[in-house]
Protein backbone atom coordinates (compact mmCIF):
# COMPACT_ATOMS: atom_id res chain seq x y z
CA MET A 1 -12.10 28.49 52.52
CA ALA A 2 -9.11 26.83 54.17
CA PHE A 3 -10.47 23.25 53.22
CA ALA A 4 -10.52 24.29 49.56
CA GLY A 5 -6.84 25.45 49.78
CA PHE A 6 -5.90 22.02 51.34
CA ILE A 7 -7.87 20.34 48.37
CA MET A 8 -5.83 22.46 45.95
CA LEU A 9 -2.55 21.40 47.65
CA LEU A 10 -3.52 17.74 47.49
CA VAL A 11 -4.35 18.05 43.86
CA ALA A 12 -1.01 19.71 43.29
CA LEU A 13 0.80 17.03 45.25
CA LEU A 14 -0.87 14.24 43.23
CA GLU A 15 0.05 15.91 39.96
CA ALA A 16 3.66 16.28 41.09
CA ILE A 17 3.78 12.70 41.95
CA ALA A 18 2.34 11.59 38.42
CA LEU A 19 4.87 13.71 36.81
CA MET A 20 7.60 12.03 39.03
CA GLN A 21 6.37 8.67 37.77
CA ALA A 22 6.54 9.93 34.20
CA ALA A 23 10.12 11.18 34.66
CA LEU A 24 11.12 7.82 36.15
CA ASN A 25 9.60 5.92 33.14
CA GLU A 26 11.73 8.04 30.81
CA LEU A 27 14.65 7.68 33.04
CA ASP A 28 15.04 11.39 33.21
CA ILE A 29 16.80 11.93 36.51
CA GLU A 30 16.88 15.69 36.55
CA ARG A 31 13.09 15.90 35.98
CA PHE A 32 12.58 13.33 38.60
CA TYR A 33 14.69 15.39 41.12
CA PHE A 34 12.75 18.51 40.25
CA TRP A 35 9.43 17.00 40.66
CA SER A 36 10.48 15.23 43.93
CA LEU A 37 11.62 18.51 45.33
CA THR A 38 8.39 20.28 44.26
CA ALA A 39 6.24 17.45 45.80
CA SER A 40 8.25 17.73 49.07
CA VAL A 41 7.75 21.43 49.17
CA ILE A 42 3.96 20.91 48.48
CA ALA A 43 3.73 18.31 51.20
CA GLY A 44 5.36 20.69 53.80
CA LEU A 45 3.08 23.51 53.10
CA PRO A 46 0.09 22.64 55.32
CA ILE A 47 2.40 22.48 58.33
CA VAL A 48 3.95 25.91 57.44
CA LEU A 49 0.55 27.45 56.70
CA TRP A 50 -1.33 25.95 59.73
C-alpha cells in the first residue's frame, strides 16, 4: 500500500516537472514558480510521511 503511494507521488512529481518545462518554454515565470513550489512540496512529502 505504501509503495503505491510513493509511485503516485513520483508520477505527480514528474508531471509537475513537465509543467515547469512547459511554463519555461512559454516564459511564464509565475506558472514556473507555482509548479516549482508544487514540485518541491511533492518531493518533500515522503520524508514527512515516513
